[in-house]
PDB file of N, CA and C in Angstrom:
ATOM      1  N   MET A   1      98.108  49.941  61.564  1.00  0.00           N
ATOM      2  CA  MET A   1      97.424  48.978  62.313  1.00  0.00           C
ATOM      3  C   MET A   1      96.154  48.838  61.642  1.00  0.00           C
ATOM      4  N   ASP A   2      95.843  47.542  61.356  1.00  0.00           N
ATOM      5  CA  ASP A   2      94.606  47.145  60.694  1.00  0.00           C
ATOM      6  C   ASP A   2      94.499  47.854  59.246  1.00  0.00           C
ATOM      7  N   GLY A   3      95.714  47.839  58.699  1.00  0.00           N
ATOM      8  CA  GLY A   3      95.822  48.332  57.259  1.00  0.00           C
ATOM      9  C   GLY A   3      95.808  49.988  57.308  1.00  0.00           C
ATOM     10  N   GLU A   4      95.788  50.678  58.440  1.00  0.00           N
ATOM     11  CA  GLU A   4      95.833  52.112  58.477  1.00  0.00           C
ATOM     12  C   GLU A   4      97.288  52.509  58.976  1.00  0.00           C
ATOM     13  N   GLU A   5      97.748  53.648  58.432  1.00  0.00           N
ATOM     14  CA  GLU A   5      98.895  54.286  59.027  1.00  0.00           C
ATOM     15  C   GLU A   5      98.588  55.151  60.210  1.00  0.00           C
ATOM     16  N   ARG A   6      99.435  55.106  61.204  1.00  0.00           N
ATOM     17  CA  ARG A   6      99.128  55.885  62.437  1.00  0.00           C
ATOM     18  C   ARG A   6     100.540  56.289  62.908  1.00  0.00           C
ATOM     19  N   GLU A   7     100.484  57.654  63.138  1.00  0.00           N
ATOM     20  CA  GLU A   7     101.604  58.403  63.669  1.00  0.00           C
ATOM     21  C   GLU A   7     101.785  58.109  65.197  1.00  0.00           C
ATOM     22  N   VAL A   8     103.018  57.725  65.738  1.00  0.00           N
ATOM     23  CA  VAL A   8     103.103  57.672  67.197  1.00  0.00           C
ATOM     24  C   VAL A   8     103.535  59.155  67.774  1.00  0.00           C
ATOM     25  N   GLY A   9     103.300  59.125  68.910  1.00  0.00           N
ATOM     26  CA  GLY A   9     103.673  60.279  69.790  1.00  0.00           C
ATOM     27  C   GLY A   9     105.102  60.408  70.124  1.00  0.00           C
ATOM     28  N   PRO A  10     105.516  61.294  70.986  1.00  0.00           N
ATOM     29  CA  PRO A  10     106.929  61.323  71.261  1.00  0.00           C
ATOM     30  C   PRO A  10     107.500  60.093  72.027  1.00  0.00           C
ATOM     31  N   VAL A  11     108.677  59.887  71.847  1.00  0.00           N
ATOM     32  CA  VAL A  11     109.340  58.652  72.332  1.00  0.00           C
ATOM     33  C   VAL A  11     110.470  58.992  73.226  1.00  0.00           C
ATOM     34  N   THR A  12     110.853  58.143  74.105  1.00  0.00           N
ATOM     35  CA  THR A  12     112.034  58.337  75.044  1.00  0.00           C
ATOM     36  C   THR A  12     112.991  57.307  74.722  1.00  0.00           C
ATOM     37  N   PHE A  13     114.300  57.578  74.487  1.00  0.00           N
ATOM     38  CA  PHE A  13     115.412  56.748  74.219  1.00  0.00           C
ATOM     39  C   PHE A  13     116.221  56.649  75.615  1.00  0.00           C
ATOM     40  N   SER A  14     116.626  55.488  75.880  1.00  0.00           N
ATOM     41  CA  SER A  14     117.549  55.410  77.057  1.00  0.00           C
ATOM     42  C   SER A  14     118.906  55.949  76.651  1.00  0.00           C
ATOM     43  N   GLU A  15     119.713  56.239  77.549  1.00  0.00           N
ATOM     44  CA  GLU A  15     120.967  56.944  77.331  1.00  0.00           C
ATOM     45  C   GLU A  15     121.803  55.961  76.360  1.00  0.00           C
ATOM     46  N   ASP A  16     121.731  54.743  76.699  1.00  0.00           N
ATOM     47  CA  ASP A  16     122.595  53.814  75.845  1.00  0.00           C
ATOM     48  C   ASP A  16     121.923  53.301  74.585  1.00  0.00           C
ATOM     49  N   LEU A  17     120.849  53.868  74.219  1.00  0.00           N
ATOM     50  CA  LEU A  17     119.905  53.457  73.069  1.00  0.00           C
ATOM     51  C   LEU A  17     119.454  52.127  73.075  1.00  0.00           C
ATOM     52  N   SER A  18     119.561  51.389  74.152  1.00  0.00           N
ATOM     53  CA  SER A  18     119.019  50.065  74.194  1.00  0.00           C
ATOM     54  C   SER A  18     117.590  49.896  74.130  1.00  0.00           C
ATOM     55  N   THR A  19     116.785  50.875  74.698  1.00  0.00           N
ATOM     56  CA  THR A  19     115.355  50.891  74.757  1.00  0.00           C
ATOM     57  C   THR A  19     114.726  52.063  74.175  1.00  0.00           C
ATOM     58  N   VAL A  20     113.640  51.918  73.747  1.00  0.00           N
ATOM     59  CA  VAL A  20     112.650  53.174  73.108  1.00  0.00           C
ATOM     60  C   VAL A  20     111.406  52.899  73.775  1.00  0.00           C
ATOM     61  N   SER A  21     110.881  53.979  74.473  1.00  0.00           N
ATOM     62  CA  SER A  21     109.650  54.019  75.271  1.00  0.00           C
ATOM     63  C   SER A  21     108.674  54.902  74.515  1.00  0.00           C
ATOM     64  N   PHE A  22     107.385  54.410  74.275  1.00  0.00           N
ATOM     65  CA  PHE A  22     106.378  55.305  73.716  1.00  0.00           C
ATOM     66  C   PHE A  22     105.391  55.795  74.685  1.00  0.00           C
ATOM     67  N   THR A  23     104.995  57.097  74.459  1.00  0.00           N
ATOM     68  CA  THR A  23     104.199  57.676  75.384  1.00  0.00           C
ATOM     69  C   THR A  23     102.771  57.100  75.510  1.00  0.00           C
ATOM     70  N   GLU A  24     102.390  56.397  74.368  1.00  0.00           N
ATOM     71  CA  GLU A  24     101.143  55.718  74.324  1.00  0.00           C
ATOM     72  C   GLU A  24     101.041  54.329  75.050  1.00  0.00           C
ATOM     73  N   GLY A  25     102.322  53.958  75.330  1.00  0.00           N
ATOM     74  CA  GLY A  25     102.493  52.684  76.054  1.00  0.00           C
ATOM     75  C   GLY A  25     103.158  51.900  75.118  1.00  0.00           C
ATOM     76  N   GLY A  26     104.046  50.898  75.716  1.00  0.00           N
ATOM     77  CA  GLY A  26     104.983  50.046  74.942  1.00  0.00           C
ATOM     78  C   GLY A  26     106.435  50.464  75.046  1.00  0.00           C
ATOM     79  N   THR A  27     107.290  49.408  74.773  1.00  0.00           N
ATOM     80  CA  THR A  27     108.700  49.648  74.836  1.00  0.00           C
ATOM     81  C   THR A  27     109.275  48.621  73.994  1.00  0.00           C
ATOM     82  N   LEU A  28     110.375  49.040  73.175  1.00  0.00           N
ATOM     83  CA  LEU A  28     111.195  48.107  72.377  1.00  0.00           C
ATOM     84  C   LEU A  28     112.583  48.056  73.001  1.00  0.00           C
ATOM     85  N   CYS A  29     113.046  46.856  73.082  1.00  0.00           N
ATOM     86  CA  CYS A  29     114.487  46.721  73.369  1.00  0.00           C
ATOM     87  C   CYS A  29     115.387  46.232  72.236  1.00  0.00           C
ATOM     88  N   PHE A  30     116.520  46.842  71.976  1.00  0.00           N
ATOM     89  CA  PHE A  30     117.339  46.579  70.910  1.00  0.00           C
ATOM     90  C   PHE A  30     118.585  45.634  71.297  1.00  0.00           C
ATOM     91  N   GLN A  31     118.675  44.564  70.511  1.00  0.00           N
ATOM     92  CA  GLN A  31     119.818  43.730  70.763  1.00  0.00           C
ATOM     93  C   GLN A  31     120.890  43.867  69.635  1.00  0.00           C
ATOM     94  N   PRO A  32     121.963  44.446  69.766  1.00  0.00           N
ATOM     95  CA  PRO A  32     122.982  44.615  68.748  1.00  0.00           C
ATOM     96  C   PRO A  32     123.662  43.370  68.208  1.00  0.00           C
ATOM     97  N   GLU A  33     123.901  43.230  67.082  1.00  0.00           N
ATOM     98  CA  GLU A  33     124.549  42.233  66.495  1.00  0.00           C
ATOM     99  C   GLU A  33     125.671  42.506  65.609  1.00  0.00           C
ATOM    100  N   ALA A  34     125.757  43.506  65.057  1.00  0.00           N
ATOM    101  CA  ALA A  34     127.008  44.093  64.343  1.00  0.00           C
ATOM    102  C   ALA A  34     127.166  45.543  64.312  1.00  0.00           C
ATOM    103  N   LEU A  35     128.505  46.150  64.295  1.00  0.00           N
ATOM    104  CA  LEU A  35     128.739  47.546  64.498  1.00  0.00           C
ATOM    105  C   LEU A  35     129.540  48.006  63.358  1.00  0.00           C
ATOM    106  N   ILE A  36     129.208  49.119  62.806  1.00  0.00           N
ATOM    107  CA  ILE A  36     130.130  50.043  61.981  1.00  0.00           C
ATOM    108  C   ILE A  36     130.412  51.093  62.815  1.00  0.00           C
ATOM    109  N   GLU A  37     131.764  51.366  62.713  1.00  0.00           N
ATOM    110  CA  GLU A  37     132.290  52.455  63.639  1.00  0.00           C
ATOM    111  C   GLU A  37     133.288  53.414  62.878  1.00  0.00           C
ATOM    112  N   HIS A  38     133.165  54.652  63.053  1.00  0.00           N
ATOM    113  CA  HIS A  38     134.105  55.520  62.367  1.00  0.00           C
ATOM    114  C   HIS A  38     134.395  56.759  63.113  1.00  0.00           C
ATOM    115  N   HIS A  39     135.800  57.006  63.317  1.00  0.00           N
ATOM    116  CA  HIS A  39     136.207  58.085  64.261  1.00  0.00           C
ATOM    117  C   HIS A  39     137.086  58.975  63.349  1.00  0.00           C
ATOM    118  N   THR A  40     136.900  60.256  63.422  1.00  0.00           N
ATOM    119  CA  THR A  40     137.700  61.299  62.701  1.00  0.00           C
ATOM    120  C   THR A  40     138.089  62.328  63.680  1.00  0.00           C
ATOM    121  N   ASN A  41     139.400  62.646  63.637  1.00  0.00           N
ATOM    122  CA  ASN A  41     139.893  63.761  64.491  1.00  0.00           C
ATOM    123  C   ASN A  41     140.960  64.689  63.622  1.00  0.00           C
ATOM    124  N   LEU A  42     140.373  65.689  63.175  1.00  0.00           N
ATOM    125  CA  LEU A  42     141.196  66.654  62.339  1.00  0.00           C
ATOM    126  C   LEU A  42     141.455  67.978  63.051  1.00  0.00           C
ATOM    127  N   LEU A  43     141.380  67.906  64.393  1.00  0.00           N
ATOM    128  CA  LEU A  43     141.537  69.058  65.380  1.00  0.00           C
ATOM    129  C   LEU A  43     140.373  69.991  65.359  1.00  0.00           C
ATOM    130  N   LEU A  44     140.017  70.624  64.270  1.00  0.00           N
ATOM    131  CA  LEU A  44     138.915  71.552  64.302  1.00  0.00           C
ATOM    132  C   LEU A  44     137.556  70.773  63.883  1.00  0.00           C
ATOM    133  N   VAL A  45     137.724  69.623  63.218  1.00  0.00           N
ATOM    134  CA  VAL A  45     136.642  68.880  62.948  1.00  0.00           C
ATOM    135  C   VAL A  45     136.827  67.341  63.505  1.00  0.00           C
ATOM    136  N   ARG A  46     135.811  67.005  64.283  1.00  0.00           N
ATOM    137  CA  ARG A  46     135.877  65.740  64.992  1.00  0.00           C
ATOM    138  C   ARG A  46     134.546  65.069  64.860  1.00  0.00           C
ATOM    139  N   SER A  47     134.580  63.726  64.689  1.00  0.00           N
ATOM    140  CA  SER A  47     133.349  63.009  64.568  1.00  0.00           C
ATOM    141  C   SER A  47     133.572  61.687  65.051  1.00  0.00           C
ATOM    142  N   ASP A  48     132.566  61.099  65.890  1.00  0.00           N
ATOM    143  CA  ASP A  48     132.382  59.694  66.275  1.00  0.00           C
ATOM    144  C   ASP A  48     131.204  59.276  65.884  1.00  0.00           C
ATOM    145  N   TYR A  49     131.166  58.131  65.107  1.00  0.00           N
ATOM    146  CA  TYR A  49     129.930  57.686  64.373  1.00  0.00           C
ATOM    147  C   TYR A  49     129.871  56.199  64.695  1.00  0.00           C
ATOM    148  N   LEU A  50     128.642  55.654  65.328  1.00  0.00           N
ATOM    149  CA  LEU A  50     128.449  54.327  65.604  1.00  0.00           C
ATOM    150  C   LEU A  50     127.110  53.982  64.983  1.00  0.00           C
ATOM    151  N   HIS A  51     127.176  52.908  64.280  1.00  0.00           N
ATOM    152  CA  HIS A  51     125.864  52.360  63.686  1.00  0.00           C
ATOM    153  C   HIS A  51     125.829  50.889  63.982  1.00  0.00           C
ATOM    154  N   TRP A  52     124.789  50.515  64.689  1.00  0.00           N
ATOM    155  CA  TRP A  52     124.601  49.053  64.964  1.00  0.00           C
ATOM    156  C   TRP A  52     123.494  48.567  64.196  1.00  0.00           C
ATOM    157  N   PHE A  53     123.736  47.412  63.893  1.00  0.00           N
ATOM    158  CA  PHE A  53     122.600  46.446  63.208  1.00  0.00           C
ATOM    159  C   PHE A  53     122.187  45.483  64.198  1.00  0.00           C
ATOM    160  N   GLY A  54     120.880  45.131  64.263  1.00  0.00           N
ATOM    161  CA  GLY A  54     120.510  44.237  65.271  1.00  0.00           C
ATOM    162  C   GLY A  54     118.980  43.868  65.168  1.00  0.00           C
ATOM    163  N   THR A  55     118.308  43.514  66.324  1.00  0.00           N
ATOM    164  CA  THR A  55     116.962  43.180  66.361  1.00  0.00           C
ATOM    165  C   THR A  55     116.367  43.898  67.472  1.00  0.00           C
ATOM    166  N   TYR A  56     114.990  44.155  67.155  1.00  0.00           N
ATOM    167  CA  TYR A  56     114.057  44.786  68.192  1.00  0.00           C
ATOM    168  C   TYR A  56     113.027  43.844  68.718  1.00  0.00           C
ATOM    169  N   THR A  57     112.743  43.777  69.961  1.00  0.00           N
ATOM    170  CA  THR A  57     111.749  43.021  70.678  1.00  0.00           C
ATOM    171  C   THR A  57     110.995  43.842  71.582  1.00  0.00           C
ATOM    172  N   GLY A  58     109.703  43.602  71.767  1.00  0.00           N
ATOM    173  CA  GLY A  58     108.816  44.352  72.561  1.00  0.00           C
ATOM    174  C   GLY A  58     107.568  44.675  72.131  1.00  0.00           C
ATOM    175  N   THR A  59     106.907  45.698  72.583  1.00  0.00           N
ATOM    176  CA  THR A  59     105.517  46.039  72.082  1.00  0.00           C
ATOM    177  C   THR A  59     105.508  47.535  71.663  1.00  0.00           C
ATOM    178  N   LEU A  60     104.780  47.640  70.632  1.00  0.00           N
ATOM    179  CA  LEU A  60     104.576  48.894  70.022  1.00  0.00           C
ATOM    180  C   LEU A  60     103.225  49.409  70.445  1.00  0.00           C
ATOM    181  N   PRO A  61     102.846  50.823  70.342  1.00  0.00           N
ATOM    182  CA  PRO A  61     101.662  51.253  70.721  1.00  0.00           C
ATOM    183  C   PRO A  61     100.570  50.488  69.926  1.00  0.00           C
ATOM    184  N   GLY A  62      99.436  50.357  70.609  1.00  0.00           N
ATOM    185  CA  GLY A  62      98.480  49.557  70.135  1.00  0.00           C
ATOM    186  C   GLY A  62      98.487  48.017  70.375  1.00  0.00           C
ATOM    187  N   GLY A  63      99.475  47.543  71.166  1.00  0.00           N
ATOM    188  CA  GLY A  63      99.631  46.238  71.493  1.00  0.00           C
ATOM    189  C   GLY A  63     100.383  45.362  70.466  1.00  0.00           C
ATOM    190  N   ILE A  64     100.979  45.790  69.510  1.00  0.00           N
ATOM    191  CA  ILE A  64     101.694  44.996  68.429  1.00  0.00           C
ATOM    192  C   ILE A  64     102.912  44.547  68.978  1.00  0.00           C
ATOM    193  N   GLU A  65     103.113  43.165  69.126  1.00  0.00           N
ATOM    194  CA  GLU A  65     104.277  42.609  69.470  1.00  0.00           C
ATOM    195  C   GLU A  65     105.325  42.397  68.432  1.00  0.00           C
ATOM    196  N   LEU A  66     106.457  42.740  68.812  1.00  0.00           N
ATOM    197  CA  LEU A  66     107.593  42.418  67.941  1.00  0.00           C
ATOM    198  C   LEU A  66     108.552  41.462  68.534  1.00  0.00           C
ATOM    199  N   ASN A  67     109.042  40.497  67.823  1.00  0.00           N
ATOM    200  CA  ASN A  67     110.051  39.457  68.357  1.00  0.00           C
ATOM    201  C   ASN A  67     111.109  39.255  67.315  1.00  0.00           C
ATOM    202  N   GLY A  68     112.204  39.845  67.549  1.00  0.00           N
ATOM    203  CA  GLY A  68     113.344  39.717  66.641  1.00  0.00           C
ATOM    204  C   GLY A  68     113.189  40.517  65.253  1.00  0.00           C
ATOM    205  N   ALA A  69     112.654  41.713  65.368  1.00  0.00           N
ATOM    206  CA  ALA A  69     112.424  42.456  64.127  1.00  0.00           C
ATOM    207  C   ALA A  69     113.873  43.172  63.778  1.00  0.00           C
ATOM    208  N   PRO A  70     114.248  42.946  62.473  1.00  0.00           N
ATOM    209  CA  PRO A  70     115.521  43.442  62.162  1.00  0.00           C
ATOM    210  C   PRO A  70     115.334  45.179  62.120  1.00  0.00           C
ATOM    211  N   GLY A  71     116.540  45.733  62.585  1.00  0.00           N
ATOM    212  CA  GLY A  71     116.647  47.193  62.717  1.00  0.00           C
ATOM    213  C   GLY A  71     117.980  47.654  62.815  1.00  0.00           C
ATOM    214  N   VAL A  72     118.116  48.945  63.052  1.00  0.00           N
ATOM    215  CA  VAL A  72     119.250  49.696  63.289  1.00  0.00           C
ATOM    216  C   VAL A  72     119.196  50.787  64.332  1.00  0.00           C
ATOM    217  N   ARG A  73     120.282  51.148  64.802  1.00  0.00           N
ATOM    218  CA  ARG A  73     120.360  52.535  65.696  1.00  0.00           C
ATOM    219  C   ARG A  73     121.775  53.076  65.516  1.00  0.00           C
ATOM    220  N   GLU A  74     121.745  54.384  65.785  1.00  0.00           N
ATOM    221  CA  GLU A  74     123.011  54.972  65.473  1.00  0.00           C
ATOM    222  C   GLU A  74     123.296  56.232  66.496  1.00  0.00           C
ATOM    223  N   ARG A  75     124.655  56.552  66.742  1.00  0.00           N
ATOM    224  CA  ARG A  75     124.990  57.536  67.467  1.00  0.00           C
ATOM    225  C   ARG A  75     125.923  58.244  66.744  1.00  0.00           C
ATOM    226  N   HIS A  76     125.848  59.560  66.602  1.00  0.00           N
ATOM    227  CA  HIS A  76     126.794  60.397  65.868  1.00  0.00           C
ATOM    228  C   HIS A  76     127.077  61.732  66.722  1.00  0.00           C
ATOM    229  N   ASP A  77     128.305  61.870  67.216  1.00  0.00           N
ATOM    230  CA  ASP A  77     128.639  63.004  67.835  1.00  0.00           C
ATOM    231  C   ASP A  77     129.710  63.748  66.965  1.00  0.00           C
ATOM    232  N   ALA A  78     129.456  65.031  66.799  1.00  0.00           N
ATOM    233  CA  ALA A  78     130.226  65.713  65.809  1.00  0.00           C
ATOM    234  C   ALA A  78     130.544  67.131  66.454  1.00  0.00           C
ATOM    235  N   LEU A  79     131.854  67.675  66.129  1.00  0.00           N
ATOM    236  CA  LEU A  79     132.289  68.922  66.529  1.00  0.00           C
ATOM    237  C   LEU A  79     132.780  69.588  65.164  1.00  0.00           C
ATOM    238  N   TRP A  80     132.232  70.771  64.732  1.00  0.00           N
ATOM    239  CA  TRP A  80     132.502  71.383  63.383  1.00  0.00           C
ATOM    240  C   TRP A  80     133.132  72.655  63.761  1.00  0.00           C
TER     241      TRP A  80
END
């Protein structure tokens, strides 16, 4: 912010990963547009990988507004 790097505090993700809330205030909402999905089941090794491309809209800590900022989110569940 204002040319300075700042680290944000802990964040909270919604269960479906559609929102990110910051302890300092502000929330981002994610609108998915494309999905890469991969599933592997080799009995002893299983993996479900979902990677979305889309846009974020909302407010970052410090009052910075985002409107349609490109970004990604992913979920990876694995059993080894």
